[in-house]
PDB file of N, CA and C in Angstrom:
ATOM      1  N   MET A   1      23.590  78.092  91.458  1.00  0.00           N
ATOM      2  CA  MET A   1      22.840  77.298  90.495  1.00  0.00           C
ATOM      3  C   MET A   1      21.475  77.953  90.250  1.00  0.00           C
ATOM      4  N   ALA A   2      21.085  78.005  89.006  1.00  0.00           N
ATOM      5  CA  ALA A   2      19.802  78.606  88.638  1.00  0.00           C
ATOM      6  C   ALA A   2      18.656  77.694  89.092  1.00  0.00           C
ATOM      7  N   GLU A   3      17.568  78.318  89.484  1.00  0.00           N
ATOM      8  CA  GLU A   3      16.399  77.546  89.913  1.00  0.00           C
ATOM      9  C   GLU A   3      15.781  76.850  88.706  1.00  0.00           C
ATOM     10  N   ARG A   4      15.288  75.632  88.919  1.00  0.00           N
ATOM     11  CA  ARG A   4      14.683  74.845  87.852  1.00  0.00           C
ATOM     12  C   ARG A   4      13.256  74.488  88.239  1.00  0.00           C
ATOM     13  N   ILE A   5      12.434  74.254  87.222  1.00  0.00           N
ATOM     14  CA  ILE A   5      11.049  73.845  87.441  1.00  0.00           C
ATOM     15  C   ILE A   5      10.797  72.546  86.681  1.00  0.00           C
ATOM     16  N   ALA A   6       9.849  71.776  87.160  1.00  0.00           N
ATOM     17  CA  ALA A   6       9.464  70.517  86.503  1.00  0.00           C
ATOM     18  C   ALA A   6       8.240  70.780  85.637  1.00  0.00           C
ATOM     19  N   ILE A   7       8.318  70.376  84.372  1.00  0.00           N
ATOM     20  CA  ILE A   7       7.194  70.537  83.446  1.00  0.00           C
ATOM     21  C   ILE A   7       7.052  69.255  82.634  1.00  0.00           C
ATOM     22  N   GLU A   8       5.988  69.184  81.859  1.00  0.00           N
ATOM     23  CA  GLU A   8       5.803  68.130  80.875  1.00  0.00           C
ATOM     24  C   GLU A   8       5.518  68.789  79.538  1.00  0.00           C
ATOM     25  N   VAL A   9       5.929  68.134  78.470  1.00  0.00           N
ATOM     26  CA  VAL A   9       5.519  68.535  77.126  1.00  0.00           C
ATOM     27  C   VAL A   9       4.794  67.341  76.525  1.00  0.00           C
ATOM     28  N   ALA A  10       3.706  67.607  75.810  1.00  0.00           N
ATOM     29  CA  ALA A  10       2.882  66.526  75.274  1.00  0.00           C
ATOM     30  C   ALA A  10       2.449  66.856  73.855  1.00  0.00           C
ATOM     31  N   ARG A  11       2.395  65.814  73.040  1.00  0.00           N
ATOM     32  CA  ARG A  11       1.850  65.953  71.697  1.00  0.00           C
ATOM     33  C   ARG A  11       1.187  64.637  71.332  1.00  0.00           C
ATOM     34  N   ALA A  12       0.168  64.730  70.490  1.00  0.00           N
ATOM     35  CA  ALA A  12      -0.590  63.541  70.092  1.00  0.00           C
ATOM     36  C   ALA A  12      -0.505  63.355  68.588  1.00  0.00           C
ATOM     37  N   PHE A  13      -0.436  62.122  68.206  1.00  0.00           N
ATOM     38  CA  PHE A  13      -0.484  61.713  66.811  1.00  0.00           C
ATOM     39  C   PHE A  13      -1.746  60.862  66.648  1.00  0.00           C
ATOM     40  N   PRO A  14      -2.171  60.582  65.429  1.00  0.00           N
ATOM     41  CA  PRO A  14      -3.384  59.777  65.263  1.00  0.00           C
ATOM     42  C   PRO A  14      -3.323  58.420  65.977  1.00  0.00           C
ATOM     43  N   ASP A  15      -2.130  57.848  66.100  1.00  0.00           N
ATOM     44  CA  ASP A  15      -2.017  56.509  66.665  1.00  0.00           C
ATOM     45  C   ASP A  15      -1.294  56.428  68.005  1.00  0.00           C
ATOM     46  N   ARG A  16      -0.780  57.538  68.509  1.00  0.00           N
ATOM     47  CA  ARG A  16      -0.060  57.498  69.777  1.00  0.00           C
ATOM     48  C   ARG A  16       0.090  58.895  70.372  1.00  0.00           C
ATOM     49  N   GLN A  17       0.559  58.918  71.598  1.00  0.00           N
ATOM     50  CA  GLN A  17       0.799  60.179  72.303  1.00  0.00           C
ATOM     51  C   GLN A  17       2.205  60.145  72.880  1.00  0.00           C
ATOM     52  N   GLU A  18       2.869  61.279  72.888  1.00  0.00           N
ATOM     53  CA  GLU A  18       4.188  61.398  73.500  1.00  0.00           C
ATOM     54  C   GLU A  18       4.111  62.413  74.630  1.00  0.00           C
ATOM     55  N   VAL A  19       4.641  62.041  75.777  1.00  0.00           N
ATOM     56  CA  VAL A  19       4.716  62.946  76.921  1.00  0.00           C
ATOM     57  C   VAL A  19       6.123  62.831  77.494  1.00  0.00           C
ATOM     58  N   LEU A  20       6.783  63.966  77.634  1.00  0.00           N
ATOM     59  CA  LEU A  20       8.128  63.998  78.211  1.00  0.00           C
ATOM     60  C   LEU A  20       8.130  64.876  79.456  1.00  0.00           C
ATOM     61  N   ALA A  21       8.730  64.376  80.512  1.00  0.00           N
ATOM     62  CA  ALA A  21       8.927  65.169  81.723  1.00  0.00           C
ATOM     63  C   ALA A  21      10.291  65.835  81.604  1.00  0.00           C
ATOM     64  N   LEU A  22      10.343  67.127  81.876  1.00  0.00           N
ATOM     65  CA  LEU A  22      11.588  67.888  81.768  1.00  0.00           C
ATOM     66  C   LEU A  22      11.813  68.733  83.016  1.00  0.00           C
ATOM     67  N   SER A  23      13.066  68.992  83.302  1.00  0.00           N
ATOM     68  CA  SER A  23      13.450  69.971  84.308  1.00  0.00           C
ATOM     69  C   SER A  23      14.089  71.109  83.531  1.00  0.00           C
ATOM     70  N   VAL A  24      13.479  72.285  83.604  1.00  0.00           N
ATOM     71  CA  VAL A  24      13.933  73.421  82.794  1.00  0.00           C
ATOM     72  C   VAL A  24      14.225  74.622  83.695  1.00  0.00           C
ATOM     73  N   PRO A  25      15.032  75.552  83.207  1.00  0.00           N
ATOM     74  CA  PRO A  25      15.318  76.754  84.008  1.00  0.00           C
ATOM     75  C   PRO A  25      14.056  77.604  84.224  1.00  0.00           C
ATOM     76  N   LEU A  26      13.972  78.205  85.368  1.00  0.00           N
ATOM     77  CA  LEU A  26      12.901  79.152  85.655  1.00  0.00           C
ATOM     78  C   LEU A  26      12.910  80.236  84.582  1.00  0.00           C
ATOM     79  N   GLY A  27      11.755  80.598  84.056  1.00  0.00           N
ATOM     80  CA  GLY A  27      11.678  81.610  83.011  1.00  0.00           C
ATOM     81  C   GLY A  27      11.588  81.019  81.607  1.00  0.00           C
ATOM     82  N   THR A  28      11.584  79.694  81.493  1.00  0.00           N
ATOM     83  CA  THR A  28      11.482  79.033  80.187  1.00  0.00           C
ATOM     84  C   THR A  28      10.107  79.291  79.578  1.00  0.00           C
ATOM     85  N   THR A  29      10.085  79.559  78.283  1.00  0.00           N
ATOM     86  CA  THR A  29       8.820  79.768  77.573  1.00  0.00           C
ATOM     87  C   THR A  29       8.334  78.452  76.967  1.00  0.00           C
ATOM     88  N   ALA A  30       7.090  78.455  76.502  1.00  0.00           N
ATOM     89  CA  ALA A  30       6.521  77.269  75.865  1.00  0.00           C
ATOM     90  C   ALA A  30       7.346  76.865  74.645  1.00  0.00           C
ATOM     91  N   ALA A  31       7.739  77.835  73.821  1.00  0.00           N
ATOM     92  CA  ALA A  31       8.542  77.536  72.634  1.00  0.00           C
ATOM     93  C   ALA A  31       9.898  76.957  73.019  1.00  0.00           C
ATOM     94  N   GLU A  32      10.514  77.509  74.053  1.00  0.00           N
ATOM     95  CA  GLU A  32      11.810  76.996  74.505  1.00  0.00           C
ATOM     96  C   GLU A  32      11.682  75.575  75.041  1.00  0.00           C
ATOM     97  N   ALA A  33      10.576  75.276  75.707  1.00  0.00           N
ATOM     98  CA  ALA A  33      10.357  73.929  76.230  1.00  0.00           C
ATOM     99  C   ALA A  33      10.294  72.916  75.093  1.00  0.00           C
ATOM    100  N   LEU A  34       9.618  73.267  73.996  1.00  0.00           N
ATOM    101  CA  LEU A  34       9.559  72.362  72.849  1.00  0.00           C
ATOM    102  C   LEU A  34      10.956  72.136  72.274  1.00  0.00           C
ATOM    103  N   ALA A  35      11.742  73.193  72.196  1.00  0.00           N
ATOM    104  CA  ALA A  35      13.106  73.071  71.682  1.00  0.00           C
ATOM    105  C   ALA A  35      13.955  72.189  72.604  1.00  0.00           C
ATOM    106  N   LEU A  36      13.791  72.353  73.906  1.00  0.00           N
ATOM    107  CA  LEU A  36      14.541  71.529  74.863  1.00  0.00           C
ATOM    108  C   LEU A  36      14.139  70.059  74.770  1.00  0.00           C
ATOM    109  N   ALA A  37      12.895  69.810  74.361  1.00  0.00           N
ATOM    110  CA  ALA A  37      12.424  68.431  74.173  1.00  0.00           C
ATOM    111  C   ALA A  37      12.928  67.849  72.856  1.00  0.00           C
ATOM    112  N   GLY A  38      13.493  68.707  71.996  1.00  0.00           N
ATOM    113  CA  GLY A  38      13.953  68.250  70.690  1.00  0.00           C
ATOM    114  C   GLY A  38      12.837  68.190  69.661  1.00  0.00           C
ATOM    115  N   TRP A  39      11.738  68.890  69.932  1.00  0.00           N
ATOM    116  CA  TRP A  39      10.583  68.906  69.042  1.00  0.00           C
ATOM    117  C   TRP A  39      10.603  70.173  68.192  1.00  0.00           C
ATOM    118  N   PRO A  40      10.015  70.114  67.001  1.00  0.00           N
ATOM    119  CA  PRO A  40       9.968  71.312  66.157  1.00  0.00           C
ATOM    120  C   PRO A  40       9.007  72.357  66.739  1.00  0.00           C
ATOM    121  N   PRO A  41       9.151  73.606  66.337  1.00  0.00           N
ATOM    122  CA  PRO A  41       8.220  74.644  66.788  1.00  0.00           C
ATOM    123  C   PRO A  41       6.794  74.289  66.364  1.00  0.00           C
ATOM    124  N   ALA A  42       5.832  74.747  67.139  1.00  0.00           N
ATOM    125  CA  ALA A  42       4.424  74.468  66.841  1.00  0.00           C
ATOM    126  C   ALA A  42       3.673  75.770  66.634  1.00  0.00           C
ATOM    127  N   GLU A  43       2.694  75.742  65.758  1.00  0.00           N
ATOM    128  CA  GLU A  43       1.874  76.933  65.518  1.00  0.00           C
ATOM    129  C   GLU A  43       0.931  77.201  66.674  1.00  0.00           C
ATOM    130  N   ALA A  44       0.439  76.119  67.299  1.00  0.00           N
ATOM    131  CA  ALA A  44      -0.522  76.277  68.391  1.00  0.00           C
ATOM    132  C   ALA A  44      -0.093  75.431  69.583  1.00  0.00           C
ATOM    133  N   VAL A  45       0.044  76.093  70.727  1.00  0.00           N
ATOM    134  CA  VAL A  45       0.390  75.395  71.964  1.00  0.00           C
ATOM    135  C   VAL A  45      -0.536  75.864  73.073  1.00  0.00           C
ATOM    136  N   GLY A  46      -0.606  75.056  74.110  1.00  0.00           N
ATOM    137  CA  GLY A  46      -1.422  75.414  75.253  1.00  0.00           C
ATOM    138  C   GLY A  46      -0.821  74.860  76.524  1.00  0.00           C
ATOM    139  N   VAL A  47      -1.378  75.288  77.633  1.00  0.00           N
ATOM    140  CA  VAL A  47      -1.014  74.766  78.940  1.00  0.00           C
ATOM    141  C   VAL A  47      -2.306  74.296  79.588  1.00  0.00           C
ATOM    142  N   PHE A  48      -2.386  73.003  79.861  1.00  0.00           N
ATOM    143  CA  PHE A  48      -3.586  72.413  80.456  1.00  0.00           C
ATOM    144  C   PHE A  48      -4.851  72.817  79.711  1.00  0.00           C
ATOM    145  N   SER A  49      -4.861  72.595  78.405  1.00  0.00           N
ATOM    146  CA  SER A  49      -6.024  72.807  77.520  1.00  0.00           C
ATOM    147  C   SER A  49      -6.398  74.267  77.303  1.00  0.00           C
ATOM    148  N   ARG A  50      -5.573  75.190  77.684  1.00  0.00           N
ATOM    149  CA  ARG A  50      -5.825  76.610  77.429  1.00  0.00           C
ATOM    150  C   ARG A  50      -4.739  77.125  76.498  1.00  0.00           C
ATOM    151  N   ARG A  51      -5.147  77.611  75.346  1.00  0.00           N
ATOM    152  CA  ARG A  51      -4.176  78.085  74.367  1.00  0.00           C
ATOM    153  C   ARG A  51      -3.388  79.274  74.927  1.00  0.00           C
ATOM    154  N   VAL A  52      -2.071  79.244  74.692  1.00  0.00           N
ATOM    155  CA  VAL A  52      -1.191  80.320  75.154  1.00  0.00           C
ATOM    156  C   VAL A  52      -0.254  80.685  74.009  1.00  0.00           C
ATOM    157  N   PRO A  53       0.291  81.903  74.023  1.00  0.00           N
ATOM    158  CA  PRO A  53       1.282  82.262  73.006  1.00  0.00           C
ATOM    159  C   PRO A  53       2.592  81.496  73.246  1.00  0.00           C
ATOM    160  N   SER A  54       3.384  81.364  72.215  1.00  0.00           N
ATOM    161  CA  SER A  54       4.655  80.634  72.323  1.00  0.00           C
ATOM    162  C   SER A  54       5.605  81.253  73.339  1.00  0.00           C
ATOM    163  N   ASP A  55       5.449  82.552  73.592  1.00  0.00           N
ATOM    164  CA  ASP A  55       6.344  83.211  74.547  1.00  0.00           C
ATOM    165  C   ASP A  55       5.804  83.189  75.980  1.00  0.00           C
ATOM    166  N   HIS A  56       4.790  82.383  76.225  1.00  0.00           N
ATOM    167  CA  HIS A  56       4.223  82.231  77.573  1.00  0.00           C
ATOM    168  C   HIS A  56       5.279  81.624  78.500  1.00  0.00           C
ATOM    169  N   VAL A  57       5.532  82.265  79.623  1.00  0.00           N
ATOM    170  CA  VAL A  57       6.518  81.770  80.594  1.00  0.00           C
ATOM    171  C   VAL A  57       5.853  80.704  81.460  1.00  0.00           C
ATOM    172  N   LEU A  58       6.521  79.572  81.561  1.00  0.00           N
ATOM    173  CA  LEU A  58       5.965  78.418  82.261  1.00  0.00           C
ATOM    174  C   LEU A  58       6.175  78.488  83.768  1.00  0.00           C
ATOM    175  N   ALA A  59       5.285  77.815  84.486  1.00  0.00           N
ATOM    176  CA  ALA A  59       5.381  77.705  85.936  1.00  0.00           C
ATOM    177  C   ALA A  59       5.642  76.245  86.293  1.00  0.00           C
ATOM    178  N   ASP A  60       6.096  76.011  87.497  1.00  0.00           N
ATOM    179  CA  ASP A  60       6.366  74.656  87.960  1.00  0.00           C
ATOM    180  C   ASP A  60       5.096  73.806  87.839  1.00  0.00           C
ATOM    181  N   GLY A  61       5.226  72.624  87.251  1.00  0.00           N
ATOM    182  CA  GLY A  61       4.100  71.710  87.115  1.00  0.00           C
ATOM    183  C   GLY A  61       3.287  71.880  85.849  1.00  0.00           C
ATOM    184  N   ASP A  62       3.593  72.874  85.019  1.00  0.00           N
ATOM    185  CA  ASP A  62       2.824  73.089  83.786  1.00  0.00           C
ATOM    186  C   ASP A  62       3.004  71.929  82.810  1.00  0.00           C
ATOM    187  N   ARG A  63       1.982  71.713  81.998  1.00  0.00           N
ATOM    188  CA  ARG A  63       2.018  70.716  80.931  1.00  0.00           C
ATOM    189  C   ARG A  63       1.795  71.464  79.619  1.00  0.00           C
ATOM    190  N   VAL A  64       2.834  71.553  78.797  1.00  0.00           N
ATOM    191  CA  VAL A  64       2.750  72.229  77.500  1.00  0.00           C
ATOM    192  C   VAL A  64       2.196  71.221  76.492  1.00  0.00           C
ATOM    193  N   GLU A  65       1.132  71.600  75.807  1.00  0.00           N
ATOM    194  CA  GLU A  65       0.484  70.715  74.843  1.00  0.00           C
ATOM    195  C   GLU A  65       0.593  71.304  73.446  1.00  0.00           C
ATOM    196  N   VAL A  66       0.964  70.469  72.497  1.00  0.00           N
ATOM    197  CA  VAL A  66       1.063  70.875  71.093  1.00  0.00           C
ATOM    198  C   VAL A  66      -0.258  70.513  70.438  1.00  0.00           C
ATOM    199  N   TYR A  67      -0.888  71.490  69.802  1.00  0.00           N
ATOM    200  CA  TYR A  67      -2.179  71.265  69.149  1.00  0.00           C
ATOM    201  C   TYR A  67      -1.998  71.101  67.653  1.00  0.00           C
ATOM    202  N   ARG A  68      -2.692  70.106  67.097  1.00  0.00           N
ATOM    203  CA  ARG A  68      -2.663  69.858  65.651  1.00  0.00           C
ATOM    204  C   ARG A  68      -3.857  70.557  65.016  1.00  0.00           C
ATOM    205  N   PRO A  69      -3.775  70.855  63.737  1.00  0.00           N
ATOM    206  CA  PRO A  69      -4.928  71.419  63.044  1.00  0.00           C
ATOM    207  C   PRO A  69      -6.048  70.370  62.967  1.00  0.00           C
ATOM    208  N   LEU A  70      -7.283  70.834  62.985  1.00  0.00           N
ATOM    209  CA  LEU A  70      -8.413  69.920  62.838  1.00  0.00           C
ATOM    210  C   LEU A  70      -8.425  69.346  61.424  1.00  0.00           C
ATOM    211  N   THR A  71      -8.748  68.074  61.306  1.00  0.00           N
ATOM    212  CA  THR A  71      -8.833  67.457  59.985  1.00  0.00           C
ATOM    213  C   THR A  71     -10.235  67.579  59.405  1.00  0.00           C
ATOM    214  N   LEU A  72     -11.219  67.869  60.266  1.00  0.00           N
ATOM    215  CA  LEU A  72     -12.601  68.005  59.836  1.00  0.00           C
ATOM    216  C   LEU A  72     -13.273  69.061  60.704  1.00  0.00           C
ATOM    217  N   ASP A  73     -14.002  69.951  60.083  1.00  0.00           N
ATOM    218  CA  ASP A  73     -14.741  70.969  60.811  1.00  0.00           C
ATOM    219  C   ASP A  73     -15.760  70.288  61.735  1.00  0.00           C
ATOM    220  N   PRO A  74     -15.816  70.649  63.028  1.00  0.00           N
ATOM    221  CA  PRO A  74     -16.747  70.007  63.957  1.00  0.00           C
ATOM    222  C   PRO A  74     -18.213  70.080  63.503  1.00  0.00           C
ATOM    223  N   LYS A  75     -18.606  71.184  62.878  1.00  0.00           N
ATOM    224  CA  LYS A  75     -19.993  71.288  62.392  1.00  0.00           C
ATOM    225  C   LYS A  75     -20.262  70.268  61.291  1.00  0.00           C
ATOM    226  N   GLU A  76     -19.286  70.090  60.417  1.00  0.00           N
ATOM    227  CA  GLU A  76     -19.434  69.104  59.339  1.00  0.00           C
ATOM    228  C   GLU A  76     -19.495  67.689  59.907  1.00  0.00           C
ATOM    229  N   ALA A  77     -18.704  67.410  60.914  1.00  0.00           N
ATOM    230  CA  ALA A  77     -18.728  66.092  61.549  1.00  0.00           C
ATOM    231  C   ALA A  77     -20.102  65.812  62.140  1.00  0.00           C
ATOM    232  N   ARG A  78     -20.710  66.801  62.808  1.00  0.00           N
ATOM    233  CA  ARG A  78     -22.063  66.623  63.359  1.00  0.00           C
ATOM    234  C   ARG A  78     -23.072  66.383  62.267  1.00  0.00           C
ATOM    235  N   ARG A  79     -22.964  67.130  61.170  1.00  0.00           N
ATOM    236  CA  ARG A  79     -23.891  66.931  60.033  1.00  0.00           C
ATOM    237  C   ARG A  79     -23.796  65.501  59.497  1.00  0.00           C
ATOM    238  N   ARG A  80     -22.578  65.004  59.355  1.00  0.00           N
ATOM    239  CA  ARG A  80     -22.386  63.646  58.855  1.00  0.00           C
ATOM    240  C   ARG A  80     -22.975  62.609  59.791  1.00  0.00           C
ATOM    241  N   ARG A  81     -22.762  62.782  61.096  1.00  0.00           N
ATOM    242  CA  ARG A  81     -23.330  61.835  62.062  1.00  0.00           C
ATOM    243  C   ARG A  81     -24.847  61.885  62.032  1.00  0.00           C
ATOM    244  N   ALA A  82     -25.408  63.086  61.937  1.00  0.00           N
ATOM    245  CA  ALA A  82     -26.870  63.227  61.914  1.00  0.00           C
ATOM    246  C   ALA A  82     -27.475  62.593  60.670  1.00  0.00           C
ATOM    247  N   SER A  83     -26.803  62.690  59.543  1.00  0.00           N
ATOM    248  CA  SER A  83     -27.361  62.128  58.312  1.00  0.00           C
ATOM    249  C   SER A  83     -27.317  60.604  58.328  1.00  0.00           C
ATOM    250  N   ARG A  84     -26.435  60.015  59.124  1.00  0.00           N
ATOM    251  CA  ARG A  84     -26.349  58.550  59.225  1.00  0.00           C
ATOM    252  C   ARG A  84     -27.334  57.979  60.227  1.00  0.00           C
ATOM    253  N   GLY A  85     -27.741  58.793  61.204  1.00  0.00           N
ATOM    254  CA  GLY A  85     -28.556  58.245  62.280  1.00  0.00           C
ATOM    255  C   GLY A  85     -29.917  58.740  62.239  1.00  0.00           C
TER     256      GLY A  85
END
């Protein structure tokens, strides 16, 4: 039997978050983990808040995170807050 590792995959939506615990074969990549979760491929993924390429090989206990594009530039958000206060 092939060795397996325990990982999580996580993604956030504006109103909720999804986290799935998976047992995957040793050598699974971030992109493969998303496919095993039944999720579409993502342009940006990370492991524990550090961006990694889709072909990053996962280790036991890793948490693969799907990153969404920013809806507002952080500098613009600060400008807006400053102009209100």
